[in-house]
Structures are given as C-alpha cells and as structure tokens.
Amino acid sequence: MKRLVAVLAAVALLASIGTGVLVWQLSRDHGPGYPEISAFSHGNLTRVGPYRYCQVFNPTDCAVPAEQGELAVDARHPVQLSIPSAISRAPWVLLRAYTDDDIVEIVPPHTRLAVTIPTEDPERGRLTGIAVQLPTWVRDEAGNEFPVPHAEWAVQTVWPDEPAGDPQPAE
C-alpha cells in the first residue's frame, strides 16, 4: 500500500512539473510574429520572416531581423512562392532578380497567394533571388510622392554549381 501511495505521489509530482513547464512555454513572449513567405523548388523548401519590417505610418521605425532564405534550385524546376494573406491583403511588390535583368511586378491586393517563377529566363539568365515588398507612399521635401518598402522578405537562390551564400556572376 505504501508503495502504491509513493508511486501515485511521484506521478502527481511529475504531472505538476509537466503542466508548469507547458504553461510557461505557452505563455512566453514568442516575439512579434511577423508574417513569413515560403519558396519551394524540386523538394527544397525555405520559410523566411522579413529582412526588414517597419511601421506603415513611420517607415523609419524599423525592426531589422535581417532574415534571408536560401533555396537550392536547378534549371528544370520552377520556384513556387507562397505569400500569406497578411501580405496579400495590401498591394505588394514581387522582385525577381536574374543575372542580366530584374523583373518588378506590382500585385494588387487580394489577387494572389502563390506565384510560379521560372529559374531560368532566355533573355535574363538565371534566377539569383526573389524579394517580396510591402510599399508605403512617402512624400519628400519637394512634394514628390514615391513608394518605399516598409517591409521586405528575401530568398537567395543557390545553384548546384555554386556554394551556398556566394552566387557567382554570369559569364
């Protein structure tokens, strides 16, 4: 009987400790919870938070987590880029950087959550990276208005013949 009571007391103690750890883990501050984009190609996936994230009405008040994703790619498989609804609710900019030229596309709000991006373009060369930006219109001292990204996500592509983090220039 004493043994049974001791075992029950040990189980109760372990359950209490486990519950305490679970409550502590769930109540911890997990950071600002910025939206993430994801890029997938040929079995490789990267999810990345923002490189820079500024306040919409004060684009100089920024957090700079400096996150940048890397995605292994090849010429045969396109990149599937996914954007969360938190980004797609506003107009956003998709920048596709190729070795010889870039493509900049403004995407209207609520129109796309995914984009298929070729890794090679006959006129522009290899895809070197992708950026997603949320623009804010600002006005300079002269009264000129122009868009400035208040948030940006970036994914660098890594080709099989290039070491990670060190893209080679086009020849």
C-alpha atoms as a PDB file:
ATOM      1  CA  MET A   1       0.000   0.000   0.000  1.00  0.00           C
ATOM      2  CA  LYS A   2       2.819   2.385   0.874  1.00  0.00           C
ATOM      3  CA  ARG A   3       4.452   1.640  -2.456  1.00  0.00           C
ATOM      4  CA  LEU A   4       1.243   2.494  -4.357  1.00  0.00           C
ATOM      5  CA  VAL A   5       0.930   5.816  -2.497  1.00  0.00           C
ATOM      6  CA  ALA A   6       4.576   6.637  -3.274  1.00  0.00           C
ATOM      7  CA  VAL A   7       4.086   5.853  -6.993  1.00  0.00           C
ATOM      8  CA  LEU A   8       0.914   7.966  -7.128  1.00  0.00           C
ATOM      9  CA  ALA A   9       2.703  10.852  -5.372  1.00  0.00           C
ATOM     10  CA  ALA A  10       5.588  10.629  -7.885  1.00  0.00           C
ATOM     11  CA  VAL A  11       3.155  10.609 -10.833  1.00  0.00           C
ATOM     12  CA  ALA A  12       1.310  13.625  -9.386  1.00  0.00           C
ATOM     13  CA  LEU A  13       4.610  15.475  -8.885  1.00  0.00           C
ATOM     14  CA  LEU A  14       5.764  14.741 -12.456  1.00  0.00           C
ATOM     15  CA  ALA A  15       2.362  15.763 -13.859  1.00  0.00           C
ATOM     16  CA  SER A  16       2.517  19.040 -11.916  1.00  0.00           C
ATOM     17  CA  ILE A  17       6.017  19.793 -13.169  1.00  0.00           C
ATOM     18  CA  GLY A  18       4.997  18.933 -16.742  1.00  0.00           C
ATOM     19  CA  THR A  19       1.936  21.187 -16.516  1.00  0.00           C
ATOM     20  CA  GLY A  20       4.059  24.024 -15.125  1.00  0.00           C
ATOM     21  CA  VAL A  21       6.581  23.707 -17.958  1.00  0.00           C
ATOM     22  CA  LEU A  22       3.767  23.615 -20.547  1.00  0.00           C
ATOM     23  CA  VAL A  23       2.093  26.744 -19.103  1.00  0.00           C
ATOM     24  CA  TRP A  24       5.464  28.541 -19.007  1.00  0.00           C
ATOM     25  CA  GLN A  25       6.227  27.570 -22.620  1.00  0.00           C
ATOM     26  CA  LEU A  26       2.821  28.680 -23.921  1.00  0.00           C
ATOM     27  CA  SER A  27       2.874  31.993 -22.036  1.00  0.00           C
ATOM     28  CA  ARG A  28       6.395  33.036 -23.081  1.00  0.00           C
ATOM     29  CA  ASP A  29       6.810  36.001 -25.384  1.00  0.00           C
ATOM     30  CA  HIS A  30       7.431  34.474 -28.806  1.00  0.00           C
ATOM     31  CA  GLY A  31       8.432  37.747 -30.454  1.00  0.00           C
ATOM     32  CA  PRO A  32       6.472  39.954 -32.787  1.00  0.00           C
ATOM     33  CA  GLY A  33       5.189  37.145 -35.001  1.00  0.00           C
ATOM     34  CA  TYR A  34       5.965  38.649 -38.389  1.00  0.00           C
ATOM     35  CA  PRO A  35       4.447  37.031 -41.492  1.00  0.00           C
ATOM     36  CA  GLU A  36       6.611  34.510 -43.357  1.00  0.00           C
ATOM     37  CA  ILE A  37       6.858  33.691 -47.038  1.00  0.00           C
ATOM     38  CA  SER A  38       7.814  30.271 -48.351  1.00  0.00           C
ATOM     39  CA  ALA A  39       9.595  29.187 -51.504  1.00  0.00           C
ATOM     40  CA  PHE A  40       9.676  25.618 -52.824  1.00  0.00           C
ATOM     41  CA  SER A  41      11.540  24.021 -55.706  1.00  0.00           C
ATOM     42  CA  HIS A  42      12.214  20.371 -56.506  1.00  0.00           C
ATOM     43  CA  GLY A  43      11.847  19.039 -52.961  1.00  0.00           C
ATOM     44  CA  ASN A  44      13.545  22.004 -51.285  1.00  0.00           C
ATOM     45  CA  LEU A  45      11.617  24.397 -49.050  1.00  0.00           C
ATOM     46  CA  THR A  46      12.553  27.574 -47.237  1.00  0.00           C
ATOM     47  CA  ARG A  47      10.337  29.655 -44.966  1.00  0.00           C
ATOM     48  CA  VAL A  48      11.583  33.095 -44.090  1.00  0.00           C
ATOM     49  CA  GLY A  49      10.497  36.036 -41.996  1.00  0.00           C
ATOM     50  CA  PRO A  50      11.165  39.614 -43.013  1.00  0.00           C
ATOM     51  CA  TYR A  51      14.574  41.054 -43.723  1.00  0.00           C
ATOM     52  CA  ARG A  52      13.224  44.432 -42.615  1.00  0.00           C
ATOM     53  CA  TYR A  53       9.845  45.329 -41.095  1.00  0.00           C
ATOM     54  CA  CYS A  54       8.938  48.991 -40.491  1.00  0.00           C
ATOM     55  CA  GLN A  55       5.865  50.753 -39.167  1.00  0.00           C
ATOM     56  CA  VAL A  56       3.499  51.673 -42.025  1.00  0.00           C
ATOM     57  CA  PHE A  57       2.967  55.254 -40.869  1.00  0.00           C
ATOM     58  CA  ASN A  58       6.573  55.733 -39.747  1.00  0.00           C
ATOM     59  CA  PRO A  59       8.872  53.936 -42.213  1.00  0.00           C
ATOM     60  CA  THR A  60      11.942  54.961 -40.209  1.00  0.00           C
ATOM     61  CA  ASP A  61      10.756  52.956 -37.151  1.00  0.00           C
ATOM     62  CA  CYS A  62      12.022  49.533 -38.170  1.00  0.00           C
ATOM     63  CA  ALA A  63      12.919  46.130 -36.851  1.00  0.00           C
ATOM     64  CA  VAL A  64      15.659  44.519 -38.902  1.00  0.00           C
ATOM     65  CA  PRO A  65      15.682  40.771 -38.222  1.00  0.00           C
ATOM     66  CA  ALA A  66      17.857  40.504 -41.383  1.00  0.00           C
ATOM     67  CA  GLU A  67      16.468  37.069 -42.217  1.00  0.00           C
ATOM     68  CA  GLN A  68      17.215  35.869 -45.720  1.00  0.00           C
ATOM     69  CA  GLY A  69      16.257  32.474 -47.028  1.00  0.00           C
ATOM     70  CA  GLU A  70      18.293  30.278 -49.329  1.00  0.00           C
ATOM     71  CA  LEU A  71      16.732  27.874 -51.796  1.00  0.00           C
ATOM     72  CA  ALA A  72      18.523  25.247 -53.854  1.00  0.00           C
ATOM     73  CA  VAL A  73      17.310  25.421 -57.464  1.00  0.00           C
ATOM     74  CA  ASP A  74      18.092  23.996 -60.882  1.00  0.00           C
ATOM     75  CA  ALA A  75      17.116  24.879 -64.448  1.00  0.00           C
ATOM     76  CA  ARG A  76      14.352  22.267 -64.774  1.00  0.00           C
ATOM     77  CA  HIS A  77      12.157  23.092 -61.777  1.00  0.00           C
ATOM     78  CA  PRO A  78      10.466  26.470 -61.166  1.00  0.00           C
ATOM     79  CA  VAL A  79      10.129  28.105 -57.774  1.00  0.00           C
ATOM     80  CA  GLN A  80       6.714  28.067 -56.134  1.00  0.00           C
ATOM     81  CA  LEU A  81       6.454  31.192 -53.978  1.00  0.00           C
ATOM     82  CA  SER A  82       3.685  31.354 -51.353  1.00  0.00           C
ATOM     83  CA  ILE A  83       2.542  34.576 -49.732  1.00  0.00           C
ATOM     84  CA  PRO A  84       0.381  34.632 -46.590  1.00  0.00           C
ATOM     85  CA  SER A  85      -2.888  36.547 -46.600  1.00  0.00           C
ATOM     86  CA  ALA A  86      -1.371  39.025 -44.122  1.00  0.00           C
ATOM     87  CA  ILE A  87       0.829  40.242 -47.005  1.00  0.00           C
ATOM     88  CA  SER A  88      -1.636  39.779 -49.863  1.00  0.00           C
ATOM     89  CA  ARG A  89      -4.275  41.990 -48.217  1.00  0.00           C
ATOM     90  CA  ALA A  90      -2.305  45.018 -49.444  1.00  0.00           C
ATOM     91  CA  PRO A  91      -0.648  45.791 -52.765  1.00  0.00           C
ATOM     92  CA  TRP A  92       2.727  44.080 -52.746  1.00  0.00           C
ATOM     93  CA  VAL A  93       5.764  44.038 -54.994  1.00  0.00           C
ATOM     94  CA  LEU A  94       7.438  40.912 -56.366  1.00  0.00           C
ATOM     95  CA  LEU A  95      11.037  41.399 -57.419  1.00  0.00           C
ATOM     96  CA  ARG A  96      12.615  38.584 -59.451  1.00  0.00           C
ATOM     97  CA  ALA A  97      16.356  39.107 -59.765  1.00  0.00           C
ATOM     98  CA  TYR A  98      18.049  37.393 -62.701  1.00  0.00           C
ATOM     99  CA  THR A  99      21.726  37.571 -63.638  1.00  0.00           C
ATOM    100  CA  ASP A 100      21.161  40.003 -66.531  1.00  0.00           C
ATOM    101  CA  ASP A 101      17.983  41.908 -65.609  1.00  0.00           C
ATOM    102  CA  ASP A 102      15.280  42.126 -62.945  1.00  0.00           C
ATOM    103  CA  ILE A 103      11.513  41.876 -63.188  1.00  0.00           C
ATOM    104  CA  VAL A 104       9.456  44.075 -60.861  1.00  0.00           C
ATOM    105  CA  GLU A 105       5.735  43.338 -60.616  1.00  0.00           C
ATOM    106  CA  ILE A 106       3.146  45.169 -58.521  1.00  0.00           C
ATOM    107  CA  VAL A 107       0.498  42.715 -57.341  1.00  0.00           C
ATOM    108  CA  PRO A 108      -2.939  44.146 -56.466  1.00  0.00           C
ATOM    109  CA  PRO A 109      -4.419  43.273 -53.061  1.00  0.00           C
ATOM    110  CA  HIS A 110      -6.352  40.031 -52.576  1.00  0.00           C
ATOM    111  CA  THR A 111      -5.357  38.673 -56.005  1.00  0.00           C
ATOM    112  CA  ARG A 112      -2.550  36.137 -55.452  1.00  0.00           C
ATOM    113  CA  LEU A 113      -1.260  33.920 -52.689  1.00  0.00           C
ATOM    114  CA  ALA A 114       1.169  31.979 -54.894  1.00  0.00           C
ATOM    115  CA  VAL A 115       3.432  32.636 -57.865  1.00  0.00           C
ATOM    116  CA  THR A 116       5.343  30.226 -60.103  1.00  0.00           C
ATOM    117  CA  ILE A 117       8.741  31.653 -61.023  1.00  0.00           C
ATOM    118  CA  PRO A 118      10.977  30.161 -63.736  1.00  0.00           C
ATOM    119  CA  THR A 119      14.542  29.638 -62.562  1.00  0.00           C
ATOM    120  CA  GLU A 120      15.942  30.484 -65.988  1.00  0.00           C
ATOM    121  CA  ASP A 121      14.792  33.110 -68.449  1.00  0.00           C
ATOM    122  CA  PRO A 122      16.110  33.100 -72.050  1.00  0.00           C
ATOM    123  CA  GLU A 123      16.606  36.892 -72.006  1.00  0.00           C
ATOM    124  CA  ARG A 124      17.530  37.489 -68.363  1.00  0.00           C
ATOM    125  CA  GLY A 125      19.595  34.430 -67.379  1.00  0.00           C
ATOM    126  CA  ARG A 126      19.478  32.556 -64.081  1.00  0.00           C
ATOM    127  CA  LEU A 127      17.272  33.481 -61.151  1.00  0.00           C
ATOM    128  CA  THR A 128      19.529  34.823 -58.376  1.00  0.00           C
ATOM    129  CA  GLY A 129      16.910  35.840 -55.849  1.00  0.00           C
ATOM    130  CA  ILE A 130      13.364  36.812 -55.018  1.00  0.00           C
ATOM    131  CA  ALA A 131      12.106  39.670 -52.869  1.00  0.00           C
ATOM    132  CA  VAL A 132       8.607  40.478 -51.669  1.00  0.00           C
ATOM    133  CA  GLN A 133       7.993  44.050 -50.553  1.00  0.00           C
ATOM    134  CA  LEU A 134       5.122  45.970 -48.994  1.00  0.00           C
ATOM    135  CA  PRO A 135       5.298  49.579 -50.208  1.00  0.00           C
ATOM    136  CA  THR A 136       4.272  52.751 -48.409  1.00  0.00           C
ATOM    137  CA  TRP A 137       3.852  56.011 -50.292  1.00  0.00           C
ATOM    138  CA  VAL A 138       6.024  58.803 -48.873  1.00  0.00           C
ATOM    139  CA  ARG A 139       6.497  62.451 -49.757  1.00  0.00           C
ATOM    140  CA  ASP A 140       9.874  64.225 -49.825  1.00  0.00           C
ATOM    141  CA  GLU A 141      10.546  67.911 -49.022  1.00  0.00           C
ATOM    142  CA  ALA A 142       9.887  68.863 -52.649  1.00  0.00           C
ATOM    143  CA  GLY A 143       6.408  67.310 -52.524  1.00  0.00           C
ATOM    144  CA  ASN A 144       7.299  64.320 -54.712  1.00  0.00           C
ATOM    145  CA  GLU A 145       5.492  61.107 -53.797  1.00  0.00           C
ATOM    146  CA  PHE A 146       7.058  57.693 -54.314  1.00  0.00           C
ATOM    147  CA  PRO A 147       6.806  54.181 -52.879  1.00  0.00           C
ATOM    148  CA  VAL A 148       9.258  52.981 -50.245  1.00  0.00           C
ATOM    149  CA  PRO A 149       9.139  49.399 -48.965  1.00  0.00           C
ATOM    150  CA  HIS A 150       8.200  49.278 -45.293  1.00  0.00           C
ATOM    151  CA  ALA A 151       8.634  45.501 -45.184  1.00  0.00           C
ATOM    152  CA  GLU A 152      10.754  43.113 -47.247  1.00  0.00           C
ATOM    153  CA  TRP A 153      11.294  39.359 -47.431  1.00  0.00           C
ATOM    154  CA  ALA A 154      14.203  37.895 -49.418  1.00  0.00           C
ATOM    155  CA  VAL A 155      15.179  34.482 -50.769  1.00  0.00           C
ATOM    156  CA  GLN A 156      18.520  33.878 -52.461  1.00  0.00           C
ATOM    157  CA  THR A 157      18.750  31.012 -54.940  1.00  0.00           C
ATOM    158  CA  VAL A 158      21.620  28.546 -54.763  1.00  0.00           C
ATOM    159  CA  TRP A 159      22.523  26.696 -57.939  1.00  0.00           C
ATOM    160  CA  PRO A 160      24.183  23.222 -57.901  1.00  0.00           C
ATOM    161  CA  ASP A 161      27.461  24.644 -59.218  1.00  0.00           C
ATOM    162  CA  GLU A 162      27.585  27.493 -56.663  1.00  0.00           C
ATOM    163  CA  PRO A 163      28.444  27.294 -52.972  1.00  0.00           C
ATOM    164  CA  ALA A 164      25.671  28.455 -50.616  1.00  0.00           C
ATOM    165  CA  GLY A 165      25.750  32.151 -49.800  1.00  0.00           C
ATOM    166  CA  ASP A 166      28.137  33.008 -52.650  1.00  0.00           C
ATOM    167  CA  PRO A 167      26.374  33.450 -56.017  1.00  0.00           C
ATOM    168  CA  GLN A 168      28.710  33.561 -58.988  1.00  0.00           C
ATOM    169  CA  PRO A 169      28.461  36.335 -61.576  1.00  0.00           C
ATOM    170  CA  ALA A 170      27.177  35.459 -65.033  1.00  0.00           C
ATOM    171  CA  GLU A 171      29.836  34.906 -67.651  1.00  0.00           C
END
